[in-house]
Amino acid sequence: MAGKWTAAENALLAEIANSDMSLCSQMHRFPGRTWDAARTHASRIGISLRAAEAWTPEEVRILKKIWRGNESIKAAVARLLPHRGYLAARGEAQRLGISGCKARTGRTGYSWVARACEEILQDGQRLSIIQLAERTGASRNAVHKALVKLHGGKFRVGEWARFSTFGCNAGLWELGSGPDAPRPPRKSASRANREAKERRMIRAGQGNPFFSIMNQVAA
């Protein structure tokens, strides 16, 4: 869930309102926010955004057709919705809940995802692919492809974390070039069996309830 709106975000909304830009085309600058939330917040603090934001039913029909098709989004928008533009189409797709649903986007179709990830990671955060997908509104597959394409140049794995008792280590991505952080070794079969046995004992009311926590710290 997105937090309280910041002064920087308010200033950005004012900048958009005082320019020829549309809110839809600039939603990549509000990671974790939705179009509806941004427009509602702008109205609440007295910022009037362009009336041209509203998409007609015909434009929405065309946009959905683009998402269902095999043509790259950028090329299809340029051909069918040239007055809206690529980023505006992306923003409206996010508002409609169809972003990340396109099966094929063409050679450059994932560039907006890379830009969105870059924006989110600017403050030094390290996030997993699942977390980046949740923040950007893109599919996990789209985020994975965008990161892999720029892996070692713009993005790298800064550390590894296990998000569940049974899961493998997941990479936490950050901005930066060069090699990834060393990946921790997989659990040995004997250790995995030992931990499983200890969990069964704890459920049965036996064993040390802090065993799993100590093992996670040791890892």
N, C-alpha and C. Protein backbone atom coordinates (compact mmCIF):
# COMPACT_ATOMS: atom_id res chain seq x y z
N MET A 1 0.84 -1.19 0.00
CA MET A 1 0.00 0.00 0.00
C MET A 1 0.88 1.24 0.00
N ALA A 2 0.61 2.22 -0.90
CA ALA A 2 1.42 3.42 -1.01
C ALA A 2 1.25 4.29 0.23
N GLY A 3 2.31 4.98 0.61
CA GLY A 3 2.27 5.79 1.82
C GLY A 3 1.78 7.21 1.56
N LYS A 4 2.05 8.07 2.52
CA LYS A 4 1.63 9.47 2.45
C LYS A 4 2.31 10.17 1.29
N TRP A 5 1.59 11.06 0.64
CA TRP A 5 2.15 11.80 -0.49
C TRP A 5 3.21 12.77 0.02
N THR A 6 4.31 12.85 -0.69
CA THR A 6 5.43 13.69 -0.26
C THR A 6 5.37 15.06 -0.92
N ALA A 7 6.15 15.99 -0.38
CA ALA A 7 6.23 17.33 -0.96
C ALA A 7 6.79 17.27 -2.38
N ALA A 8 7.72 16.35 -2.61
CA ALA A 8 8.30 16.20 -3.95
C ALA A 8 7.25 15.73 -4.95
N GLU A 9 6.38 14.81 -4.53
CA GLU A 9 5.32 14.33 -5.41
C GLU A 9 4.31 15.43 -5.69
N ASN A 10 3.99 16.24 -4.67
CA ASN A 10 3.07 17.36 -4.86
C ASN A 10 3.65 18.36 -5.87
N ALA A 11 4.95 18.62 -5.75
CA ALA A 11 5.61 19.54 -6.68
C ALA A 11 5.58 18.98 -8.10
N LEU A 12 5.74 17.68 -8.23
CA LEU A 12 5.71 17.05 -9.54
C LEU A 12 4.32 17.15 -10.16
N LEU A 13 3.28 16.97 -9.36
CA LEU A 13 1.91 17.13 -9.85
C LEU A 13 1.68 18.56 -10.33
N ALA A 14 2.19 19.53 -9.58
CA ALA A 14 2.05 20.93 -9.99
C ALA A 14 2.79 21.20 -11.29
N GLU A 15 3.97 20.61 -11.43
CA GLU A 15 4.75 20.77 -12.66
C GLU A 15 3.98 20.23 -13.87
N ILE A 16 3.36 19.07 -13.69
CA ILE A 16 2.58 18.47 -14.78
C ILE A 16 1.39 19.34 -15.13
N ALA A 17 0.72 19.88 -14.11
CA ALA A 17 -0.46 20.72 -14.34
C ALA A 17 -0.10 22.00 -15.09
N ASN A 18 1.12 22.51 -14.88
CA ASN A 18 1.54 23.76 -15.51
C ASN A 18 2.26 23.56 -16.84
N SER A 19 2.24 22.34 -17.35
CA SER A 19 2.93 22.03 -18.61
C SER A 19 1.95 21.43 -19.59
N ASP A 20 2.46 21.02 -20.73
CA ASP A 20 1.63 20.36 -21.74
C ASP A 20 1.59 18.85 -21.54
N MET A 21 2.21 18.38 -20.47
CA MET A 21 2.25 16.94 -20.21
C MET A 21 0.92 16.48 -19.64
N SER A 22 0.59 15.21 -19.89
CA SER A 22 -0.59 14.62 -19.29
C SER A 22 -0.17 13.77 -18.10
N LEU A 23 -1.07 13.60 -17.15
CA LEU A 23 -0.76 12.76 -15.99
C LEU A 23 -0.49 11.32 -16.41
N CYS A 24 -1.28 10.81 -17.37
CA CYS A 24 -1.09 9.43 -17.83
C CYS A 24 0.33 9.20 -18.33
N SER A 25 0.84 10.18 -19.07
CA SER A 25 2.17 10.01 -19.67
C SER A 25 3.29 10.09 -18.65
N GLN A 26 2.98 10.57 -17.44
CA GLN A 26 4.01 10.77 -16.42
C GLN A 26 3.88 9.84 -15.22
N MET A 27 2.99 8.83 -15.32
CA MET A 27 2.77 7.95 -14.18
C MET A 27 4.01 7.15 -13.81
N HIS A 28 4.96 6.99 -14.75
CA HIS A 28 6.19 6.27 -14.42
C HIS A 28 7.03 7.04 -13.39
N ARG A 29 6.70 8.31 -13.18
CA ARG A 29 7.42 9.12 -12.20
C ARG A 29 6.79 9.04 -10.80
N PHE A 30 5.72 8.27 -10.70
CA PHE A 30 5.04 8.06 -9.42
C PHE A 30 4.99 6.57 -9.11
N PRO A 31 6.14 5.93 -8.92
CA PRO A 31 6.14 4.48 -8.67
C PRO A 31 5.32 4.12 -7.44
N GLY A 32 4.50 3.09 -7.60
CA GLY A 32 3.66 2.65 -6.50
C GLY A 32 2.33 3.36 -6.41
N ARG A 33 2.12 4.40 -7.25
CA ARG A 33 0.86 5.15 -7.26
C ARG A 33 0.03 4.74 -8.46
N THR A 34 -1.28 4.93 -8.36
CA THR A 34 -2.16 4.67 -9.49
C THR A 34 -2.64 5.99 -10.06
N TRP A 35 -3.14 5.94 -11.30
CA TRP A 35 -3.65 7.14 -11.97
C TRP A 35 -4.79 7.74 -11.16
N ASP A 36 -5.73 6.91 -10.72
CA ASP A 36 -6.88 7.41 -9.97
C ASP A 36 -6.44 8.09 -8.67
N ALA A 37 -5.49 7.48 -7.97
CA ALA A 37 -5.01 8.05 -6.71
C ALA A 37 -4.32 9.39 -6.94
N ALA A 38 -3.50 9.48 -7.99
CA ALA A 38 -2.79 10.72 -8.29
C ALA A 38 -3.76 11.84 -8.65
N ARG A 39 -4.75 11.51 -9.47
CA ARG A 39 -5.72 12.52 -9.90
C ARG A 39 -6.57 12.98 -8.71
N THR A 40 -6.99 12.06 -7.87
CA THR A 40 -7.78 12.41 -6.69
C THR A 40 -6.99 13.27 -5.73
N HIS A 41 -5.72 12.91 -5.51
CA HIS A 41 -4.87 13.67 -4.60
C HIS A 41 -4.63 15.08 -5.14
N ALA A 42 -4.40 15.19 -6.46
CA ALA A 42 -4.18 16.51 -7.06
C ALA A 42 -5.40 17.40 -6.84
N SER A 43 -6.58 16.86 -7.02
CA SER A 43 -7.81 17.62 -6.81
C SER A 43 -7.95 18.05 -5.36
N ARG A 44 -7.56 17.15 -4.45
CA ARG A 44 -7.68 17.43 -3.01
C ARG A 44 -6.80 18.59 -2.58
N ILE A 45 -5.62 18.73 -3.19
CA ILE A 45 -4.70 19.81 -2.79
C ILE A 45 -4.79 21.01 -3.73
N GLY A 46 -5.83 21.04 -4.58
CA GLY A 46 -6.09 22.22 -5.40
C GLY A 46 -5.31 22.31 -6.68
N ILE A 47 -4.81 21.19 -7.21
CA ILE A 47 -4.09 21.20 -8.48
C ILE A 47 -5.03 20.71 -9.57
N SER A 48 -5.21 21.54 -10.60
CA SER A 48 -6.12 21.20 -11.70
C SER A 48 -5.32 20.62 -12.86
N LEU A 49 -5.55 19.35 -13.14
CA LEU A 49 -4.88 18.69 -14.25
C LEU A 49 -5.68 18.87 -15.52
N ARG A 50 -5.07 18.63 -16.65
CA ARG A 50 -5.71 18.84 -17.94
C ARG A 50 -7.00 18.05 -18.09
N ALA A 51 -8.03 18.71 -18.66
CA ALA A 51 -9.29 18.01 -18.91
C ALA A 51 -9.12 16.94 -19.96
N ALA A 52 -8.07 17.07 -20.79
CA ALA A 52 -7.85 16.12 -21.88
C ALA A 52 -7.41 14.76 -21.37
N GLU A 53 -7.31 14.61 -20.05
CA GLU A 53 -6.90 13.33 -19.49
C GLU A 53 -7.89 12.22 -19.86
N ALA A 54 -9.19 12.55 -19.87
CA ALA A 54 -10.20 11.53 -20.06
C ALA A 54 -10.09 10.87 -21.42
N TRP A 55 -10.09 9.55 -21.41
CA TRP A 55 -10.04 8.77 -22.65
C TRP A 55 -11.47 8.46 -23.09
N THR A 56 -11.74 8.56 -24.37
CA THR A 56 -13.06 8.25 -24.88
C THR A 56 -13.24 6.72 -24.93
N PRO A 57 -14.49 6.25 -24.95
CA PRO A 57 -14.72 4.81 -25.08
C PRO A 57 -14.05 4.21 -26.31
N GLU A 58 -14.01 4.96 -27.40
CA GLU A 58 -13.37 4.45 -28.62
C GLU A 58 -11.87 4.31 -28.43
N GLU A 59 -11.25 5.29 -27.76
CA GLU A 59 -9.81 5.20 -27.50
C GLU A 59 -9.50 4.01 -26.59
N VAL A 60 -10.32 3.79 -25.59
CA VAL A 60 -10.12 2.66 -24.69
C VAL A 60 -10.25 1.35 -25.46
N ARG A 61 -11.22 1.28 -26.37
CA ARG A 61 -11.40 0.07 -27.18
C ARG A 61 -10.14 -0.19 -28.01
N ILE A 62 -9.59 0.86 -28.61
CA ILE A 62 -8.38 0.72 -29.42
C ILE A 62 -7.20 0.29 -28.55
N LEU A 63 -7.10 0.90 -27.36
CA LEU A 63 -6.00 0.55 -26.46
C LEU A 63 -6.04 -0.92 -26.07
N LYS A 64 -7.22 -1.42 -25.75
CA LYS A 64 -7.35 -2.83 -25.38
C LYS A 64 -7.03 -3.73 -26.57
N LYS A 65 -7.39 -3.27 -27.77
CA LYS A 65 -7.07 -4.03 -28.98
C LYS A 65 -5.55 -4.12 -29.16
N ILE A 66 -4.85 -3.01 -28.87
CA ILE A 66 -3.39 -3.00 -28.96
C ILE A 66 -2.79 -4.01 -28.00
N TRP A 67 -3.31 -4.07 -26.78
CA TRP A 67 -2.77 -5.00 -25.78
C TRP A 67 -3.03 -6.45 -26.14
N ARG A 68 -4.11 -6.69 -26.88
CA ARG A 68 -4.41 -8.07 -27.28
C ARG A 68 -3.63 -8.50 -28.51
N GLY A 69 -3.12 -7.54 -29.27
CA GLY A 69 -2.45 -7.85 -30.53
C GLY A 69 -1.01 -8.28 -30.37
N ASN A 70 -0.39 -8.65 -31.49
CA ASN A 70 1.01 -9.10 -31.51
C ASN A 70 1.99 -8.00 -31.89
N GLU A 71 1.47 -6.86 -32.33
CA GLU A 71 2.34 -5.74 -32.70
C GLU A 71 2.92 -5.11 -31.43
N SER A 72 4.14 -4.57 -31.52
CA SER A 72 4.73 -3.93 -30.35
C SER A 72 3.85 -2.75 -29.92
N ILE A 73 3.80 -2.51 -28.63
CA ILE A 73 2.95 -1.45 -28.10
C ILE A 73 3.34 -0.10 -28.68
N LYS A 74 4.63 0.18 -28.72
CA LYS A 74 5.09 1.48 -29.20
C LYS A 74 4.67 1.72 -30.65
N ALA A 75 4.84 0.72 -31.49
CA ALA A 75 4.48 0.87 -32.90
C ALA A 75 2.97 1.00 -33.08
N ALA A 76 2.21 0.21 -32.33
CA ALA A 76 0.76 0.24 -32.46
C ALA A 76 0.18 1.56 -31.98
N VAL A 77 0.71 2.10 -30.88
CA VAL A 77 0.23 3.38 -30.38
C VAL A 77 0.54 4.49 -31.38
N ALA A 78 1.75 4.47 -31.95
CA ALA A 78 2.13 5.49 -32.95
C ALA A 78 1.21 5.45 -34.16
N ARG A 79 0.74 4.26 -34.50
CA ARG A 79 -0.11 4.11 -35.69
C ARG A 79 -1.58 4.40 -35.40
N LEU A 80 -2.08 3.95 -34.24
CA LEU A 80 -3.51 4.02 -33.96
C LEU A 80 -3.91 5.13 -32.99
N LEU A 81 -2.98 5.53 -32.11
CA LEU A 81 -3.28 6.59 -31.14
C LEU A 81 -2.15 7.62 -31.10
N PRO A 82 -1.77 8.18 -32.25
CA PRO A 82 -0.61 9.07 -32.29
C PRO A 82 -0.77 10.33 -31.45
N HIS A 83 -2.01 10.78 -31.24
CA HIS A 83 -2.25 11.99 -30.44
C HIS A 83 -2.09 11.74 -28.95
N ARG A 84 -2.06 10.48 -28.54
CA ARG A 84 -1.90 10.14 -27.13
C ARG A 84 -0.44 9.92 -26.76
N GLY A 85 0.27 9.16 -27.56
CA GLY A 85 1.67 8.89 -27.26
C GLY A 85 1.87 7.62 -26.44
N TYR A 86 3.08 7.13 -26.50
CA TYR A 86 3.42 5.83 -25.88
C TYR A 86 3.25 5.83 -24.37
N LEU A 87 3.83 6.84 -23.68
CA LEU A 87 3.77 6.87 -22.23
C LEU A 87 2.35 7.13 -21.72
N ALA A 88 1.58 7.93 -22.47
CA ALA A 88 0.18 8.16 -22.09
C ALA A 88 -0.60 6.85 -22.19
N ALA A 89 -0.32 6.07 -23.22
CA ALA A 89 -0.99 4.78 -23.38
C ALA A 89 -0.61 3.84 -22.25
N ARG A 90 0.65 3.85 -21.85
CA ARG A 90 1.09 3.02 -20.73
C ARG A 90 0.37 3.41 -19.44
N GLY A 91 0.25 4.73 -19.21
CA GLY A 91 -0.42 5.19 -18.01
C GLY A 91 -1.89 4.80 -17.98
N GLU A 92 -2.57 4.93 -19.11
CA GLU A 92 -3.98 4.55 -19.17
C GLU A 92 -4.15 3.05 -19.02
N ALA A 93 -3.22 2.28 -19.58
CA ALA A 93 -3.27 0.82 -19.42
C ALA A 93 -3.13 0.44 -17.96
N GLN A 94 -2.28 1.15 -17.24
CA GLN A 94 -2.13 0.90 -15.80
C GLN A 94 -3.44 1.20 -15.08
N ARG A 95 -4.09 2.33 -15.43
CA ARG A 95 -5.34 2.70 -14.79
C ARG A 95 -6.43 1.66 -15.04
N LEU A 96 -6.42 1.09 -16.26
CA LEU A 96 -7.43 0.10 -16.63
C LEU A 96 -7.11 -1.29 -16.08
N GLY A 97 -5.89 -1.46 -15.57
CA GLY A 97 -5.50 -2.75 -15.02
C GLY A 97 -5.08 -3.76 -16.05
N ILE A 98 -4.68 -3.29 -17.24
CA ILE A 98 -4.26 -4.23 -18.28
C ILE A 98 -2.77 -4.20 -18.53
N SER A 99 -2.03 -3.32 -17.86
CA SER A 99 -0.59 -3.28 -18.06
C SER A 99 0.01 -4.58 -17.53
N GLY A 100 0.99 -5.11 -18.23
CA GLY A 100 1.60 -6.38 -17.84
C GLY A 100 0.84 -7.58 -18.34
N CYS A 101 -0.26 -7.37 -19.08
CA CYS A 101 -1.07 -8.49 -19.57
C CYS A 101 -0.75 -8.83 -21.02
N LYS A 102 0.11 -8.06 -21.66
CA LYS A 102 0.42 -8.31 -23.06
C LYS A 102 1.43 -9.44 -23.19
N ALA A 103 1.14 -10.41 -24.02
CA ALA A 103 2.00 -11.58 -24.15
C ALA A 103 3.32 -11.26 -24.85
N ARG A 104 3.30 -10.33 -25.79
CA ARG A 104 4.49 -10.03 -26.58
C ARG A 104 4.55 -8.54 -26.83
N THR A 105 5.70 -7.93 -26.58
CA THR A 105 5.79 -6.48 -26.69
C THR A 105 6.81 -6.00 -27.70
N GLY A 106 7.47 -6.87 -28.39
CA GLY A 106 8.44 -6.42 -29.37
C GLY A 106 9.82 -6.17 -28.76
N ARG A 107 10.75 -5.76 -29.61
CA ARG A 107 12.15 -5.67 -29.19
C ARG A 107 12.38 -4.61 -28.12
N THR A 108 11.66 -3.47 -28.20
CA THR A 108 11.90 -2.39 -27.25
C THR A 108 10.74 -2.19 -26.29
N GLY A 109 9.81 -3.13 -26.27
CA GLY A 109 8.59 -2.94 -25.50
C GLY A 109 8.78 -2.90 -24.00
N TYR A 110 9.91 -3.37 -23.47
CA TYR A 110 10.09 -3.41 -22.03
C TYR A 110 10.88 -2.20 -21.52
N SER A 111 11.15 -1.22 -22.37
CA SER A 111 11.97 -0.08 -21.94
C SER A 111 11.29 0.71 -20.84
N TRP A 112 9.95 0.82 -20.87
CA TRP A 112 9.26 1.57 -19.81
C TRP A 112 9.41 0.87 -18.47
N VAL A 113 9.46 -0.46 -18.48
CA VAL A 113 9.62 -1.21 -17.23
C VAL A 113 10.99 -0.93 -16.63
N ALA A 114 12.01 -0.91 -17.48
CA ALA A 114 13.36 -0.61 -17.00
C ALA A 114 13.42 0.78 -16.39
N ARG A 115 12.78 1.76 -17.04
CA ARG A 115 12.77 3.13 -16.50
C ARG A 115 12.04 3.18 -15.16
N ALA A 116 10.93 2.46 -15.07
CA ALA A 116 10.18 2.45 -13.81
C ALA A 116 10.99 1.82 -12.69
N CYS A 117 11.69 0.71 -12.99
CA CYS A 117 12.54 0.07 -11.99
C CYS A 117 13.67 1.00 -11.56
N GLU A 118 14.23 1.69 -12.52
CA GLU A 118 15.33 2.62 -12.21
C GLU A 118 14.85 3.72 -11.26
N GLU A 119 13.65 4.26 -11.53
CA GLU A 119 13.09 5.30 -10.66
C GLU A 119 12.94 4.79 -9.23
N ILE A 120 12.41 3.57 -9.09
CA ILE A 120 12.14 3.01 -7.76
C ILE A 120 13.44 2.76 -6.99
N LEU A 121 14.49 2.34 -7.71
CA LEU A 121 15.75 1.98 -7.05
C LEU A 121 16.71 3.15 -6.87
N GLN A 122 16.28 4.36 -7.26
CA GLN A 122 17.16 5.52 -7.20
C GLN A 122 17.64 5.82 -5.79
N ASP A 123 16.82 5.52 -4.78
CA ASP A 123 17.19 5.88 -3.41
C ASP A 123 18.02 4.82 -2.70
N GLY A 124 18.55 3.87 -3.48
CA GLY A 124 19.43 2.87 -2.88
C GLY A 124 18.74 1.62 -2.39
N GLN A 125 17.43 1.49 -2.66
CA GLN A 125 16.73 0.28 -2.24
C GLN A 125 17.24 -0.94 -2.98
N ARG A 126 17.05 -2.09 -2.36
CA ARG A 126 17.30 -3.38 -3.00
C ARG A 126 16.00 -4.17 -2.93
N LEU A 127 15.48 -4.54 -4.09
CA LEU A 127 14.17 -5.19 -4.15
C LEU A 127 14.20 -6.42 -5.03
N SER A 128 13.34 -7.37 -4.73
CA SER A 128 13.23 -8.58 -5.54
C SER A 128 12.38 -8.30 -6.78
N ILE A 129 12.39 -9.23 -7.72
CA ILE A 129 11.57 -9.09 -8.92
C ILE A 129 10.09 -9.00 -8.55
N ILE A 130 9.66 -9.79 -7.58
CA ILE A 130 8.25 -9.75 -7.16
C ILE A 130 7.91 -8.38 -6.60
N GLN A 131 8.79 -7.81 -5.78
CA GLN A 131 8.52 -6.49 -5.20
C GLN A 131 8.51 -5.40 -6.27
N LEU A 132 9.43 -5.50 -7.25
CA LEU A 132 9.46 -4.51 -8.32
C LEU A 132 8.20 -4.61 -9.19
N ALA A 133 7.73 -5.82 -9.41
CA ALA A 133 6.50 -6.00 -10.19
C ALA A 133 5.32 -5.34 -9.48
N GLU A 134 5.26 -5.50 -8.16
CA GLU A 134 4.17 -4.89 -7.39
C GLU A 134 4.24 -3.37 -7.45
N ARG A 135 5.45 -2.80 -7.41
CA ARG A 135 5.62 -1.35 -7.39
C ARG A 135 5.35 -0.74 -8.77
N THR A 136 5.76 -1.42 -9.84
CA THR A 136 5.64 -0.84 -11.18
C THR A 136 4.30 -1.14 -11.85
N GLY A 137 3.63 -2.21 -11.42
CA GLY A 137 2.40 -2.62 -12.09
C GLY A 137 2.65 -3.51 -13.28
N ALA A 138 3.91 -3.82 -13.56
CA ALA A 138 4.26 -4.71 -14.68
C ALA A 138 4.19 -6.16 -14.21
N SER A 139 4.20 -7.08 -15.15
CA SER A 139 4.22 -8.49 -14.78
C SER A 139 5.62 -8.88 -14.30
N ARG A 140 5.71 -9.97 -13.55
CA ARG A 140 7.01 -10.44 -13.08
C ARG A 140 7.90 -10.80 -14.25
N ASN A 141 7.31 -11.37 -15.29
CA ASN A 141 8.07 -11.74 -16.47
C ASN A 141 8.66 -10.51 -17.15
N ALA A 142 7.86 -9.42 -17.22
CA ALA A 142 8.34 -8.19 -17.85
C ALA A 142 9.49 -7.58 -17.06
N VAL A 143 9.37 -7.59 -15.73
CA VAL A 143 10.43 -7.05 -14.88
C VAL A 143 11.70 -7.89 -15.04
N HIS A 144 11.54 -9.21 -15.04
CA HIS A 144 12.69 -10.10 -15.19
C HIS A 144 13.42 -9.81 -16.51
N LYS A 145 12.68 -9.71 -17.59
CA LYS A 145 13.31 -9.47 -18.90
C LYS A 145 14.00 -8.11 -18.95
N ALA A 146 13.37 -7.09 -18.34
CA ALA A 146 13.98 -5.75 -18.35
C ALA A 146 15.28 -5.73 -17.55
N LEU A 147 15.30 -6.42 -16.41
CA LEU A 147 16.51 -6.45 -15.58
C LEU A 147 17.63 -7.25 -16.24
N VAL A 148 17.26 -8.39 -16.81
CA VAL A 148 18.26 -9.25 -17.45
C VAL A 148 18.89 -8.54 -18.65
N LYS A 149 18.08 -7.79 -19.38
CA LYS A 149 18.60 -7.08 -20.56
C LYS A 149 19.69 -6.08 -20.19
N LEU A 150 19.55 -5.45 -19.02
CA LEU A 150 20.52 -4.43 -18.58
C LEU A 150 21.37 -4.93 -17.41
N HIS A 151 21.40 -6.24 -17.21
CA HIS A 151 22.13 -6.85 -16.11
C HIS A 151 23.64 -6.61 -16.27
N GLY A 152 24.27 -6.11 -15.22
CA GLY A 152 25.71 -5.85 -15.27
C GLY A 152 26.06 -4.48 -15.79
N GLY A 153 25.09 -3.81 -16.42
CA GLY A 153 25.33 -2.46 -16.92
C GLY A 153 24.63 -1.41 -16.09
N LYS A 154 23.32 -1.61 -15.91
CA LYS A 154 22.54 -0.67 -15.11
C LYS A 154 22.01 -1.30 -13.82
N PHE A 155 21.76 -2.59 -13.87
CA PHE A 155 21.22 -3.29 -12.69
C PHE A 155 22.13 -4.45 -12.29
N ARG A 156 22.19 -4.73 -11.01
CA ARG A 156 22.93 -5.87 -10.51
C ARG A 156 22.22 -6.40 -9.26
N VAL A 157 22.54 -7.63 -8.86
CA VAL A 157 22.01 -8.19 -7.62
C VAL A 157 22.95 -7.77 -6.49
N GLY A 158 22.41 -6.96 -5.56
CA GLY A 158 23.24 -6.43 -4.48
C GLY A 158 23.34 -7.35 -3.29
N GLU A 159 22.33 -8.20 -3.10
CA GLU A 159 22.36 -9.18 -2.01
C GLU A 159 21.31 -10.24 -2.29
N TRP A 160 21.32 -11.27 -1.46
CA TRP A 160 20.39 -12.39 -1.62
C TRP A 160 19.62 -12.57 -0.33
N ALA A 161 18.36 -12.96 -0.46
CA ALA A 161 17.53 -13.15 0.73
C ALA A 161 16.58 -14.32 0.52
N ARG A 162 16.29 -15.02 1.60
CA ARG A 162 15.31 -16.11 1.55
C ARG A 162 14.03 -15.61 2.19
N PHE A 163 12.93 -15.63 1.42
CA PHE A 163 11.67 -15.07 1.88
C PHE A 163 10.77 -16.10 2.54
N SER A 164 11.18 -17.34 2.57
CA SER A 164 10.40 -18.36 3.26
C SER A 164 11.36 -19.42 3.78
N THR A 165 10.85 -20.25 4.68
CA THR A 165 11.69 -21.30 5.27
C THR A 165 12.18 -22.28 4.22
N PHE A 166 11.31 -22.58 3.24
CA PHE A 166 11.63 -23.62 2.28
C PHE A 166 12.20 -23.07 0.97
N GLY A 167 12.04 -21.76 0.72
CA GLY A 167 12.40 -21.20 -0.57
C GLY A 167 13.89 -21.04 -0.78
N CYS A 168 14.28 -20.92 -2.05
CA CYS A 168 15.68 -20.66 -2.39
C CYS A 168 15.97 -19.17 -2.20
N ASN A 169 17.23 -18.82 -2.21
CA ASN A 169 17.62 -17.42 -2.09
C ASN A 169 17.19 -16.66 -3.33
N ALA A 170 16.58 -15.50 -3.11
CA ALA A 170 16.14 -14.64 -4.22
C ALA A 170 17.06 -13.43 -4.30
N GLY A 171 17.35 -12.99 -5.52
CA GLY A 171 18.19 -11.83 -5.70
C GLY A 171 17.46 -10.54 -5.38
N LEU A 172 18.13 -9.63 -4.68
CA LEU A 172 17.60 -8.29 -4.43
C LEU A 172 18.37 -7.34 -5.34
N TRP A 173 17.66 -6.72 -6.27
CA TRP A 173 18.29 -5.92 -7.31
C TRP A 173 18.50 -4.48 -6.87
N GLU A 174 19.57 -3.89 -7.40
CA GLU A 174 19.88 -2.50 -7.13
C GLU A 174 20.46 -1.86 -8.39
N LEU A 175 20.58 -0.54 -8.38
CA LEU A 175 21.23 0.15 -9.48
C LEU A 175 22.73 -0.03 -9.34
N GLY A 176 23.40 -0.28 -10.45
CA GLY A 176 24.84 -0.44 -10.41
C GLY A 176 25.34 -1.39 -11.48
N SER A 177 26.60 -1.25 -11.82
CA SER A 177 27.21 -2.12 -12.81
C SER A 177 28.14 -3.11 -12.12
N GLY A 178 28.65 -4.04 -12.90
CA GLY A 178 29.59 -5.00 -12.33
C GLY A 178 28.92 -6.29 -11.92
N PRO A 179 29.70 -7.20 -11.34
CA PRO A 179 29.18 -8.52 -10.98
C PRO A 179 28.21 -8.46 -9.81
N ASP A 180 27.40 -9.50 -9.71
CA ASP A 180 26.45 -9.62 -8.60
C ASP A 180 27.18 -9.95 -7.30
N ALA A 181 26.48 -9.73 -6.19
CA ALA A 181 26.99 -10.18 -4.90
C ALA A 181 27.05 -11.71 -4.91
N PRO A 182 28.02 -12.31 -4.25
CA PRO A 182 28.13 -13.78 -4.23
C PRO A 182 26.83 -14.42 -3.72
N ARG A 183 26.40 -15.44 -4.41
CA ARG A 183 25.17 -16.12 -4.01
C ARG A 183 25.47 -17.12 -2.90
N PRO A 184 24.70 -17.12 -1.82
CA PRO A 184 24.92 -18.08 -0.72
C PRO A 184 24.74 -19.51 -1.22
N PRO A 185 25.47 -20.45 -0.65
CA PRO A 185 25.31 -21.84 -1.07
C PRO A 185 23.93 -22.38 -0.68
N ARG A 186 23.45 -23.34 -1.44
CA ARG A 186 22.19 -23.98 -1.13
C ARG A 186 22.31 -24.79 0.17
N LYS A 187 21.21 -24.96 0.84
CA LYS A 187 21.22 -25.80 2.04
C LYS A 187 21.59 -27.23 1.65
N SER A 188 22.39 -27.86 2.49
CA SER A 188 22.68 -29.27 2.25
C SER A 188 21.44 -30.09 2.59
N ALA A 189 21.38 -31.28 2.03
CA ALA A 189 20.23 -32.16 2.29
C ALA A 189 20.12 -32.50 3.78
N SER A 190 21.28 -32.69 4.42
CA SER A 190 21.26 -33.05 5.84
C SER A 190 20.72 -31.90 6.69
N ARG A 191 21.11 -30.68 6.34
CA ARG A 191 20.62 -29.53 7.11
C ARG A 191 19.13 -29.34 6.89
N ALA A 192 18.68 -29.47 5.62
CA ALA A 192 17.25 -29.32 5.32
C ALA A 192 16.43 -30.36 6.08
N ASN A 193 16.94 -31.60 6.12
CA ASN A 193 16.23 -32.65 6.85
C ASN A 193 16.22 -32.39 8.35
N ARG A 194 17.33 -31.87 8.85
CA ARG A 194 17.42 -31.58 10.28
C ARG A 194 16.44 -30.48 10.68
N GLU A 195 16.35 -29.46 9.85
CA GLU A 195 15.42 -28.37 10.13
C GLU A 195 13.98 -28.83 10.02
N ALA A 196 13.69 -29.69 9.05
CA ALA A 196 12.33 -30.21 8.89
C ALA A 196 11.94 -31.04 10.12
N LYS A 197 12.88 -31.82 10.60
CA LYS A 197 12.62 -32.64 11.79
C LYS A 197 12.34 -31.76 13.00
N GLU A 198 13.13 -30.69 13.13
CA GLU A 198 12.96 -29.78 14.26
C GLU A 198 11.59 -29.09 14.20
N ARG A 199 11.15 -28.71 13.00
CA ARG A 199 9.84 -28.08 12.86
C ARG A 199 8.72 -29.04 13.26
N ARG A 200 8.88 -30.31 12.90
CA ARG A 200 7.87 -31.30 13.28
C ARG A 200 7.82 -31.46 14.80
N MET A 201 8.98 -31.43 15.44
CA MET A 201 9.05 -31.56 16.89
C MET A 201 8.41 -30.36 17.57
N ILE A 202 8.63 -29.16 17.00
CA ILE A 202 8.04 -27.95 17.59
C ILE A 202 6.52 -28.00 17.50
N ARG A 203 6.02 -28.46 16.34
CA ARG A 203 4.57 -28.57 16.18
C ARG A 203 3.98 -29.58 17.16
N ALA A 204 4.78 -30.57 17.53
CA ALA A 204 4.32 -31.59 18.46
C ALA A 204 4.54 -31.17 19.92
N GLY A 205 5.04 -29.94 20.11
CA GLY A 205 5.26 -29.44 21.47
C GLY A 205 6.61 -29.79 22.03
N GLN A 206 7.54 -30.20 21.18
CA GLN A 206 8.88 -30.56 21.64
C GLN A 206 9.90 -29.69 20.91
N GLY A 207 11.13 -29.78 21.29
CA GLY A 207 12.20 -29.10 20.58
C GLY A 207 12.32 -27.63 20.97
N ASN A 208 13.29 -26.96 20.38
CA ASN A 208 13.60 -25.56 20.66
C ASN A 208 12.83 -24.66 19.69
N PRO A 209 11.88 -23.84 20.16
CA PRO A 209 11.10 -23.01 19.24
C PRO A 209 11.91 -21.94 18.55
N PHE A 210 13.14 -21.65 19.03
CA PHE A 210 13.98 -20.63 18.42
C PHE A 210 14.98 -21.23 17.43
N PHE A 211 14.85 -22.54 17.17
CA PHE A 211 15.82 -23.23 16.30
C PHE A 211 15.85 -22.61 14.91
N SER A 212 14.69 -22.42 14.29
CA SER A 212 14.63 -21.89 12.93
C SER A 212 15.18 -20.49 12.85
N ILE A 213 14.87 -19.66 13.85
CA ILE A 213 15.37 -18.30 13.85
C ILE A 213 16.88 -18.28 13.95
N MET A 214 17.44 -19.11 14.82
CA MET A 214 18.90 -19.16 14.97
C MET A 214 19.56 -19.60 13.67
N ASN A 215 18.93 -20.56 12.98
CA ASN A 215 19.49 -21.02 11.72
C ASN A 215 19.45 -19.94 10.64
N GLN A 216 18.37 -19.13 10.64
CA GLN A 216 18.27 -18.06 9.66
C GLN A 216 19.33 -17.01 9.91
N VAL A 217 19.57 -16.70 11.19
CA VAL A 217 20.62 -15.72 11.52
C VAL A 217 21.97 -16.25 11.13
N ALA A 218 22.18 -17.54 11.39
CA ALA A 218 23.48 -18.16 11.04
C ALA A 218 23.72 -18.18 9.56
N ALA A 219 22.60 -18.29 8.76
CA ALA A 219 22.73 -18.32 7.31
C ALA A 219 23.14 -16.98 6.77
